[in-house]
PDB file of N, CA and C in Angstrom:
ATOM      1  N   MET A   1       0.822  -1.192   0.000  1.00  0.00           N
ATOM      2  CA  MET A   1       0.000   0.000   0.000  1.00  0.00           C
ATOM      3  C   MET A   1       0.872   1.266   0.000  1.00  0.00           C
ATOM      4  N   VAL A   2       2.020   1.192   0.628  1.00  0.00           N
ATOM      5  CA  VAL A   2       2.938   2.335   0.643  1.00  0.00           C
ATOM      6  C   VAL A   2       3.279   2.739  -0.791  1.00  0.00           C
ATOM      7  N   ASP A   3       3.560   1.745  -1.638  1.00  0.00           N
ATOM      8  CA  ASP A   3       3.905   2.036  -3.034  1.00  0.00           C
ATOM      9  C   ASP A   3       2.767   2.733  -3.770  1.00  0.00           C
ATOM     10  N   VAL A   4       1.543   2.288  -3.530  1.00  0.00           N
ATOM     11  CA  VAL A   4       0.379   2.893  -4.184  1.00  0.00           C
ATOM     12  C   VAL A   4       0.253   4.359  -3.782  1.00  0.00           C
ATOM     13  N   ILE A   5       0.351   4.623  -2.490  1.00  0.00           N
ATOM     14  CA  ILE A   5       0.221   5.993  -1.999  1.00  0.00           C
ATOM     15  C   ILE A   5       1.355   6.871  -2.540  1.00  0.00           C
ATOM     16  N   GLU A   6       2.560   6.337  -2.537  1.00  0.00           N
ATOM     17  CA  GLU A   6       3.690   7.108  -3.064  1.00  0.00           C
ATOM     18  C   GLU A   6       3.510   7.415  -4.551  1.00  0.00           C
ATOM     19  N   ARG A   7       2.954   6.470  -5.315  1.00  0.00           N
ATOM     20  CA  ARG A   7       2.699   6.717  -6.735  1.00  0.00           C
ATOM     21  C   ARG A   7       1.622   7.784  -6.919  1.00  0.00           C
ATOM     22  N   LYS A   8       0.618   7.770  -6.055  1.00  0.00           N
ATOM     23  CA  LYS A   8      -0.440   8.786  -6.125  1.00  0.00           C
ATOM     24  C   LYS A   8       0.149  10.178  -5.842  1.00  0.00           C
ATOM     25  N   ILE A   9       1.027  10.259  -4.859  1.00  0.00           N
ATOM     26  CA  ILE A   9       1.690  11.531  -4.532  1.00  0.00           C
ATOM     27  C   ILE A   9       2.505  12.002  -5.737  1.00  0.00           C
ATOM     28  N   HIS A  10       3.275  11.097  -6.303  1.00  0.00           N
ATOM     29  CA  HIS A  10       4.112  11.451  -7.460  1.00  0.00           C
ATOM     30  C   HIS A  10       3.250  11.939  -8.620  1.00  0.00           C
ATOM     31  N   PHE A  11       2.165  11.223  -8.910  1.00  0.00           N
ATOM     32  CA  PHE A  11       1.296  11.620 -10.006  1.00  0.00           C
ATOM     33  C   PHE A  11       0.687  12.993  -9.755  1.00  0.00           C
ATOM     34  N   THR A  12       0.199  13.222  -8.553  1.00  0.00           N
ATOM     35  CA  THR A  12      -0.428  14.510  -8.224  1.00  0.00           C
ATOM     36  C   THR A  12       0.574  15.653  -8.373  1.00  0.00           C
ATOM     37  N   ASN A  13       1.807  15.396  -8.001  1.00  0.00           N
ATOM     38  CA  ASN A  13       2.839  16.434  -8.093  1.00  0.00           C
ATOM     39  C   ASN A  13       3.341  16.671  -9.513  1.00  0.00           C
ATOM     40  N   THR A  14       3.281  15.661 -10.368  1.00  0.00           N
ATOM     41  CA  THR A  14       3.940  15.778 -11.667  1.00  0.00           C
ATOM     42  C   THR A  14       3.008  15.731 -12.870  1.00  0.00           C
ATOM     43  N   ASN A  15       1.732  15.425 -12.690  1.00  0.00           N
ATOM     44  CA  ASN A  15       0.865  15.263 -13.854  1.00  0.00           C
ATOM     45  C   ASN A  15       0.712  16.574 -14.620  1.00  0.00           C
ATOM     46  N   THR A  16       0.620  16.442 -15.907  1.00  0.00           N
ATOM     47  CA  THR A  16       0.448  17.599 -16.777  1.00  0.00           C
ATOM     48  C   THR A  16      -0.875  17.514 -17.544  1.00  0.00           C
ATOM     49  N   ILE A  17      -1.712  16.592 -17.170  1.00  0.00           N
ATOM     50  CA  ILE A  17      -3.004  16.406 -17.834  1.00  0.00           C
ATOM     51  C   ILE A  17      -3.921  17.581 -17.533  1.00  0.00           C
ATOM     52  N   PHE A  18      -3.897  18.024 -16.284  1.00  0.00           N
ATOM     53  CA  PHE A  18      -4.775  19.101 -15.846  1.00  0.00           C
ATOM     54  C   PHE A  18      -3.960  20.345 -15.554  1.00  0.00           C
ATOM     55  N   ASN A  19      -4.570  21.487 -15.737  1.00  0.00           N
ATOM     56  CA  ASN A  19      -3.945  22.758 -15.430  1.00  0.00           C
ATOM     57  C   ASN A  19      -3.736  22.853 -13.919  1.00  0.00           C
ATOM     58  N   LYS A  20      -2.493  22.981 -13.498  1.00  0.00           N
ATOM     59  CA  LYS A  20      -2.162  23.018 -12.065  1.00  0.00           C
ATOM     60  C   LYS A  20      -2.865  24.168 -11.336  1.00  0.00           C
ATOM     61  N   THR A  21      -3.028  25.280 -12.010  1.00  0.00           N
ATOM     62  CA  THR A  21      -3.673  26.433 -11.383  1.00  0.00           C
ATOM     63  C   THR A  21      -5.136  26.128 -11.085  1.00  0.00           C
ATOM     64  N   ASP A  22      -5.813  25.491 -12.028  1.00  0.00           N
ATOM     65  CA  ASP A  22      -7.232  25.174 -11.855  1.00  0.00           C
ATOM     66  C   ASP A  22      -7.474  24.155 -10.744  1.00  0.00           C
ATOM     67  N   PHE A  23      -6.497  23.297 -10.506  1.00  0.00           N
ATOM     68  CA  PHE A  23      -6.680  22.219  -9.543  1.00  0.00           C
ATOM     69  C   PHE A  23      -5.822  22.385  -8.292  1.00  0.00           C
ATOM     70  N   LYS A  24      -5.327  23.593  -8.062  1.00  0.00           N
ATOM     71  CA  LYS A  24      -4.427  23.859  -6.925  1.00  0.00           C
ATOM     72  C   LYS A  24      -5.034  23.429  -5.600  1.00  0.00           C
ATOM     73  N   ASP A  25      -6.261  23.848  -5.309  1.00  0.00           N
ATOM     74  CA  ASP A  25      -6.885  23.532  -4.023  1.00  0.00           C
ATOM     75  C   ASP A  25      -7.214  22.041  -3.917  1.00  0.00           C
ATOM     76  N   ASN A  26      -7.705  21.463  -4.995  1.00  0.00           N
ATOM     77  CA  ASN A  26      -7.992  20.038  -5.014  1.00  0.00           C
ATOM     78  C   ASN A  26      -6.713  19.236  -4.763  1.00  0.00           C
ATOM     79  N   ASP A  27      -5.642  19.576  -5.466  1.00  0.00           N
ATOM     80  CA  ASP A  27      -4.362  18.887  -5.304  1.00  0.00           C
ATOM     81  C   ASP A  27      -3.835  19.030  -3.887  1.00  0.00           C
ATOM     82  N   GLU A  28      -4.007  20.205  -3.311  1.00  0.00           N
ATOM     83  CA  GLU A  28      -3.560  20.432  -1.928  1.00  0.00           C
ATOM     84  C   GLU A  28      -4.272  19.472  -0.978  1.00  0.00           C
ATOM     85  N   GLY A  29      -5.575  19.313  -1.164  1.00  0.00           N
ATOM     86  CA  GLY A  29      -6.328  18.376  -0.336  1.00  0.00           C
ATOM     87  C   GLY A  29      -5.910  16.933  -0.549  1.00  0.00           C
ATOM     88  N   GLU A  30      -5.694  16.569  -1.815  1.00  0.00           N
ATOM     89  CA  GLU A  30      -5.246  15.211  -2.117  1.00  0.00           C
ATOM     90  C   GLU A  30      -3.905  14.923  -1.464  1.00  0.00           C
ATOM     91  N   LEU A  31      -2.966  15.831  -1.639  1.00  0.00           N
ATOM     92  CA  LEU A  31      -1.630  15.615  -1.085  1.00  0.00           C
ATOM     93  C   LEU A  31      -1.656  15.536   0.434  1.00  0.00           C
ATOM     94  N   LEU A  32      -2.475  16.356   1.067  1.00  0.00           N
ATOM     95  CA  LEU A  32      -2.612  16.295   2.518  1.00  0.00           C
ATOM     96  C   LEU A  32      -3.081  14.907   2.950  1.00  0.00           C
ATOM     97  N   ALA A  33      -4.099  14.395   2.278  1.00  0.00           N
ATOM     98  CA  ALA A  33      -4.625  13.071   2.616  1.00  0.00           C
ATOM     99  C   ALA A  33      -3.587  11.980   2.355  1.00  0.00           C
ATOM    100  N   TYR A  34      -2.938  12.038   1.188  1.00  0.00           N
ATOM    101  CA  TYR A  34      -1.951  10.998   0.862  1.00  0.00           C
ATOM    102  C   TYR A  34      -0.805  10.973   1.872  1.00  0.00           C
ATOM    103  N   HIS A  35      -0.328  12.144   2.264  1.00  0.00           N
ATOM    104  CA  HIS A  35       0.777  12.188   3.234  1.00  0.00           C
ATOM    105  C   HIS A  35       0.334  11.658   4.605  1.00  0.00           C
ATOM    106  N   GLN A  36      -0.868  11.985   5.027  1.00  0.00           N
ATOM    107  CA  GLN A  36      -1.378  11.466   6.294  1.00  0.00           C
ATOM    108  C   GLN A  36      -1.548   9.949   6.218  1.00  0.00           C
ATOM    109  N   MET A  37      -2.092   9.470   5.113  1.00  0.00           N
ATOM    110  CA  MET A  37      -2.300   8.033   4.956  1.00  0.00           C
ATOM    111  C   MET A  37      -0.979   7.286   4.868  1.00  0.00           C
ATOM    112  N   LEU A  38       0.020   7.896   4.264  1.00  0.00           N
ATOM    113  CA  LEU A  38       1.330   7.264   4.160  1.00  0.00           C
ATOM    114  C   LEU A  38       1.922   7.018   5.546  1.00  0.00           C
ATOM    115  N   VAL A  39       1.775   7.967   6.430  1.00  0.00           N
ATOM    116  CA  VAL A  39       2.245   7.790   7.815  1.00  0.00           C
ATOM    117  C   VAL A  39       1.425   6.698   8.505  1.00  0.00           C
ATOM    118  N   ASP A  40       0.111   6.791   8.383  1.00  0.00           N
ATOM    119  CA  ASP A  40      -0.770   5.861   9.094  1.00  0.00           C
ATOM    120  C   ASP A  40      -0.652   4.427   8.599  1.00  0.00           C
ATOM    121  N   VAL A  41      -0.486   4.228   7.309  1.00  0.00           N
ATOM    122  CA  VAL A  41      -0.422   2.864   6.778  1.00  0.00           C
ATOM    123  C   VAL A  41       0.816   2.134   7.295  1.00  0.00           C
ATOM    124  N   LYS A  42       1.833   2.891   7.663  1.00  0.00           N
ATOM    125  CA  LYS A  42       3.051   2.302   8.217  1.00  0.00           C
ATOM    126  C   LYS A  42       2.906   1.993   9.705  1.00  0.00           C
ATOM    127  N   GLU A  43       2.016   2.700  10.393  1.00  0.00           N
ATOM    128  CA  GLU A  43       1.898   2.580  11.844  1.00  0.00           C
ATOM    129  C   GLU A  43       0.686   1.785  12.316  1.00  0.00           C
ATOM    130  N   MET A  44      -0.346   1.698  11.491  1.00  0.00           N
ATOM    131  CA  MET A  44      -1.598   1.065  11.909  1.00  0.00           C
ATOM    132  C   MET A  44      -1.759  -0.290  11.234  1.00  0.00           C
ATOM    133  N   ASN A  45      -2.561  -1.142  11.881  1.00  0.00           N
ATOM    134  CA  ASN A  45      -2.926  -2.356  11.170  1.00  0.00           C
ATOM    135  C   ASN A  45      -4.035  -2.011  10.180  1.00  0.00           C
ATOM    136  N   GLU A  46      -4.336  -2.940   9.302  1.00  0.00           N
ATOM    137  CA  GLU A  46      -5.293  -2.674   8.222  1.00  0.00           C
ATOM    138  C   GLU A  46      -6.654  -2.242   8.746  1.00  0.00           C
ATOM    139  N   ASN A  47      -7.139  -2.904   9.756  1.00  0.00           N
ATOM    140  CA  ASN A  47      -8.457  -2.592  10.314  1.00  0.00           C
ATOM    141  C   ASN A  47      -8.504  -1.173  10.886  1.00  0.00           C
ATOM    142  N   GLU A  48      -7.486  -0.803  11.631  1.00  0.00           N
ATOM    143  CA  GLU A  48      -7.417   0.544  12.207  1.00  0.00           C
ATOM    144  C   GLU A  48      -7.394   1.600  11.098  1.00  0.00           C
ATOM    145  N   PHE A  49      -6.588   1.345  10.087  1.00  0.00           N
ATOM    146  CA  PHE A  49      -6.445   2.273   8.970  1.00  0.00           C
ATOM    147  C   PHE A  49      -7.781   2.466   8.261  1.00  0.00           C
ATOM    148  N   VAL A  50      -8.409   1.371   7.881  1.00  0.00           N
ATOM    149  CA  VAL A  50      -9.678   1.445   7.154  1.00  0.00           C
ATOM    150  C   VAL A  50     -10.743   2.131   7.998  1.00  0.00           C
ATOM    151  N   ASN A  51     -10.845   1.771   9.261  1.00  0.00           N
ATOM    152  CA  ASN A  51     -11.849   2.395  10.134  1.00  0.00           C
ATOM    153  C   ASN A  51     -11.621   3.896  10.284  1.00  0.00           C
ATOM    154  N   LYS A  52     -10.373   4.290  10.474  1.00  0.00           N
ATOM    155  CA  LYS A  52     -10.069   5.719  10.629  1.00  0.00           C
ATOM    156  C   LYS A  52     -10.526   6.500   9.398  1.00  0.00           C
ATOM    157  N   TYR A  53     -10.178   6.007   8.226  1.00  0.00           N
ATOM    158  CA  TYR A  53     -10.475   6.765   7.018  1.00  0.00           C
ATOM    159  C   TYR A  53     -11.927   6.631   6.570  1.00  0.00           C
ATOM    160  N   LEU A  54     -12.586   5.542   6.891  1.00  0.00           N
ATOM    161  CA  LEU A  54     -14.029   5.465   6.632  1.00  0.00           C
ATOM    162  C   LEU A  54     -14.773   6.490   7.481  1.00  0.00           C
ATOM    163  N   ASN A  55     -14.349   6.639   8.729  1.00  0.00           N
ATOM    164  CA  ASN A  55     -14.969   7.644   9.610  1.00  0.00           C
ATOM    165  C   ASN A  55     -14.737   9.065   9.095  1.00  0.00           C
ATOM    166  N   ILE A  56     -13.560   9.320   8.577  1.00  0.00           N
ATOM    167  CA  ILE A  56     -13.277  10.645   8.023  1.00  0.00           C
ATOM    168  C   ILE A  56     -14.180  10.915   6.824  1.00  0.00           C
ATOM    169  N   VAL A  57     -14.324   9.937   5.933  1.00  0.00           N
ATOM    170  CA  VAL A  57     -15.181  10.100   4.759  1.00  0.00           C
ATOM    171  C   VAL A  57     -16.633  10.339   5.189  1.00  0.00           C
ATOM    172  N   LYS A  58     -17.079   9.613   6.210  1.00  0.00           N
ATOM    173  CA  LYS A  58     -18.446   9.810   6.713  1.00  0.00           C
ATOM    174  C   LYS A  58     -18.638  11.229   7.240  1.00  0.00           C
ATOM    175  N   LYS A  59     -17.659  11.747   7.976  1.00  0.00           N
ATOM    176  CA  LYS A  59     -17.750  13.112   8.508  1.00  0.00           C
ATOM    177  C   LYS A  59     -17.780  14.144   7.388  1.00  0.00           C
ATOM    178  N   ILE A  60     -16.954  13.929   6.374  1.00  0.00           N
ATOM    179  CA  ILE A  60     -16.933  14.857   5.245  1.00  0.00           C
ATOM    180  C   ILE A  60     -18.271  14.828   4.515  1.00  0.00           C
ATOM    181  N   THR A  61     -18.830  13.643   4.357  1.00  0.00           N
ATOM    182  CA  THR A  61     -20.128  13.508   3.701  1.00  0.00           C
ATOM    183  C   THR A  61     -21.197  14.304   4.433  1.00  0.00           C
ATOM    184  N   VAL A  62     -21.206  14.221   5.745  1.00  0.00           N
ATOM    185  CA  VAL A  62     -22.172  14.973   6.549  1.00  0.00           C
ATOM    186  C   VAL A  62     -21.949  16.476   6.379  1.00  0.00           C
ATOM    187  N   GLN A  63     -20.686  16.896   6.372  1.00  0.00           N
ATOM    188  CA  GLN A  63     -20.384  18.318   6.186  1.00  0.00           C
ATOM    189  C   GLN A  63     -20.920  18.823   4.852  1.00  0.00           C
ATOM    190  N   PHE A  64     -20.753  18.029   3.806  1.00  0.00           N
ATOM    191  CA  PHE A  64     -21.266  18.444   2.490  1.00  0.00           C
ATOM    192  C   PHE A  64     -22.788  18.423   2.458  1.00  0.00           C
ATOM    193  N   GLU A  65     -23.380  17.391   3.025  1.00  0.00           N
ATOM    194  CA  GLU A  65     -24.847  17.304   3.036  1.00  0.00           C
ATOM    195  C   GLU A  65     -25.482  18.452   3.804  1.00  0.00           C
ATOM    196  N   ASN A  66     -24.842  18.853   4.885  1.00  0.00           N
ATOM    197  CA  ASN A  66     -25.354  19.952   5.705  1.00  0.00           C
ATOM    198  C   ASN A  66     -24.870  21.319   5.223  1.00  0.00           C
ATOM    199  N   GLU A  67     -24.141  21.329   4.128  1.00  0.00           N
ATOM    200  CA  GLU A  67     -23.600  22.559   3.546  1.00  0.00           C
ATOM    201  C   GLU A  67     -22.818  23.382   4.572  1.00  0.00           C
ATOM    202  N   GLU A  68     -22.022  22.682   5.377  1.00  0.00           N
ATOM    203  CA  GLU A  68     -21.215  23.337   6.404  1.00  0.00           C
ATOM    204  C   GLU A  68     -19.998  24.047   5.818  1.00  0.00           C
ATOM    205  N   ILE A  69     -19.557  23.607   4.657  1.00  0.00           N
ATOM    206  CA  ILE A  69     -18.395  24.212   4.018  1.00  0.00           C
ATOM    207  C   ILE A  69     -18.907  25.144   2.926  1.00  0.00           C
ATOM    208  N   LYS A  70     -18.623  26.411   3.067  1.00  0.00           N
ATOM    209  CA  LYS A  70     -19.167  27.425   2.158  1.00  0.00           C
ATOM    210  C   LYS A  70     -18.124  27.959   1.166  1.00  0.00           C
ATOM    211  N   ASP A  71     -16.892  28.096   1.625  1.00  0.00           N
ATOM    212  CA  ASP A  71     -15.835  28.682   0.814  1.00  0.00           C
ATOM    213  C   ASP A  71     -15.475  27.765  -0.351  1.00  0.00           C
ATOM    214  N   GLU A  72     -15.468  28.311  -1.559  1.00  0.00           N
ATOM    215  CA  GLU A  72     -15.228  27.505  -2.773  1.00  0.00           C
ATOM    216  C   GLU A  72     -13.861  26.819  -2.752  1.00  0.00           C
ATOM    217  N   LYS A  73     -12.835  27.526  -2.286  1.00  0.00           N
ATOM    218  CA  LYS A  73     -11.501  26.926  -2.209  1.00  0.00           C
ATOM    219  C   LYS A  73     -11.472  25.785  -1.201  1.00  0.00           C
ATOM    220  N   GLU A  74     -12.144  25.974  -0.085  1.00  0.00           N
ATOM    221  CA  GLU A  74     -12.202  24.932   0.941  1.00  0.00           C
ATOM    222  C   GLU A  74     -12.993  23.720   0.435  1.00  0.00           C
ATOM    223  N   ILE A  75     -14.045  23.969  -0.327  1.00  0.00           N
ATOM    224  CA  ILE A  75     -14.820  22.873  -0.920  1.00  0.00           C
ATOM    225  C   ILE A  75     -13.918  22.044  -1.839  1.00  0.00           C
ATOM    226  N   GLU A  76     -13.131  22.718  -2.662  1.00  0.00           N
ATOM    227  CA  GLU A  76     -12.219  22.011  -3.570  1.00  0.00           C
ATOM    228  C   GLU A  76     -11.170  21.222  -2.798  1.00  0.00           C
ATOM    229  N   LYS A  77     -10.627  21.827  -1.739  1.00  0.00           N
ATOM    230  CA  LYS A  77      -9.599  21.158  -0.938  1.00  0.00           C
ATOM    231  C   LYS A  77     -10.171  19.930  -0.243  1.00  0.00           C
ATOM    232  N   VAL A  78     -11.329  20.075   0.371  1.00  0.00           N
ATOM    233  CA  VAL A  78     -11.947  18.953   1.080  1.00  0.00           C
ATOM    234  C   VAL A  78     -12.374  17.867   0.089  1.00  0.00           C
ATOM    235  N   SER A  79     -12.818  18.266  -1.083  1.00  0.00           N
ATOM    236  CA  SER A  79     -13.170  17.290  -2.113  1.00  0.00           C
ATOM    237  C   SER A  79     -11.950  16.480  -2.536  1.00  0.00           C
ATOM    238  N   GLY A  80     -10.839  17.155  -2.734  1.00  0.00           N
ATOM    239  CA  GLY A  80      -9.598  16.461  -3.079  1.00  0.00           C
ATOM    240  C   GLY A  80      -9.164  15.520  -1.975  1.00  0.00           C
ATOM    241  N   TYR A  81      -9.276  15.977  -0.737  1.00  0.00           N
ATOM    242  CA  TYR A  81      -8.929  15.160   0.428  1.00  0.00           C
ATOM    243  C   TYR A  81      -9.798  13.905   0.460  1.00  0.00           C
ATOM    244  N   ASN A  82     -11.090  14.100   0.315  1.00  0.00           N
ATOM    245  CA  ASN A  82     -12.043  12.995   0.327  1.00  0.00           C
ATOM    246  C   ASN A  82     -11.768  12.018  -0.819  1.00  0.00           C
ATOM    247  N   ASN A  83     -11.582  12.543  -2.012  1.00  0.00           N
ATOM    248  CA  ASN A  83     -11.363  11.689  -3.174  1.00  0.00           C
ATOM    249  C   ASN A  83     -10.079  10.875  -3.060  1.00  0.00           C
ATOM    250  N   ALA A  84      -9.053  11.467  -2.468  1.00  0.00           N
ATOM    251  CA  ALA A  84      -7.799  10.733  -2.259  1.00  0.00           C
ATOM    252  C   ALA A  84      -8.025   9.563  -1.306  1.00  0.00           C
ATOM    253  N   ILE A  85      -8.756   9.800  -0.240  1.00  0.00           N
ATOM    254  CA  ILE A  85      -9.041   8.731   0.718  1.00  0.00           C
ATOM    255  C   ILE A  85      -9.813   7.606   0.039  1.00  0.00           C
ATOM    256  N   VAL A  86     -10.843   7.965  -0.699  1.00  0.00           N
ATOM    257  CA  VAL A  86     -11.669   6.960  -1.377  1.00  0.00           C
ATOM    258  C   VAL A  86     -10.815   6.163  -2.364  1.00  0.00           C
ATOM    259  N   SER A  87      -9.919   6.845  -3.083  1.00  0.00           N
ATOM    260  CA  SER A  87      -9.091   6.134  -4.065  1.00  0.00           C
ATOM    261  C   SER A  87      -8.167   5.108  -3.407  1.00  0.00           C
ATOM    262  N   ILE A  88      -7.750   5.366  -2.179  1.00  0.00           N
ATOM    263  CA  ILE A  88      -6.903   4.410  -1.466  1.00  0.00           C
ATOM    264  C   ILE A  88      -7.761   3.323  -0.812  1.00  0.00           C
ATOM    265  N   LEU A  89      -8.880   3.680  -0.249  1.00  0.00           N
ATOM    266  CA  LEU A  89      -9.732   2.671   0.405  1.00  0.00           C
ATOM    267  C   LEU A  89     -10.237   1.634  -0.589  1.00  0.00           C
ATOM    268  N   LYS A  90     -10.304   1.957  -1.848  1.00  0.00           N
ATOM    269  CA  LYS A  90     -10.733   0.984  -2.866  1.00  0.00           C
ATOM    270  C   LYS A  90      -9.803  -0.222  -2.925  1.00  0.00           C
ATOM    271  N   TRP A  91      -8.590  -0.051  -2.465  1.00  0.00           N
ATOM    272  CA  TRP A  91      -7.599  -1.133  -2.495  1.00  0.00           C
ATOM    273  C   TRP A  91      -7.826  -2.148  -1.376  1.00  0.00           C
ATOM    274  N   PHE A  92      -8.680  -1.838  -0.419  1.00  0.00           N
ATOM    275  CA  PHE A  92      -8.897  -2.753   0.713  1.00  0.00           C
ATOM    276  C   PHE A  92     -10.136  -3.594   0.529  1.00  0.00           C
TER     277      PHE A  92
END
């Protein structure tokens, strides 16, 4: 799993498919999540890791449903964070 997360970080940092300016906030959220998950995947067992990040995704879902996040940049950042988590949890 470490390799997968490291590849995701590398891709997010180096991809030229999307305009970096347009996706700055989204990428920031993704990278934040990937770096946190990289630390946790090394320290936690699989069950702890999956439970922690499923709970985070659930909290983010509630925040979006309740429209708690109003700022457009913050919405993009949290969306990137959420999407990064989901992309890694698919591997479990």
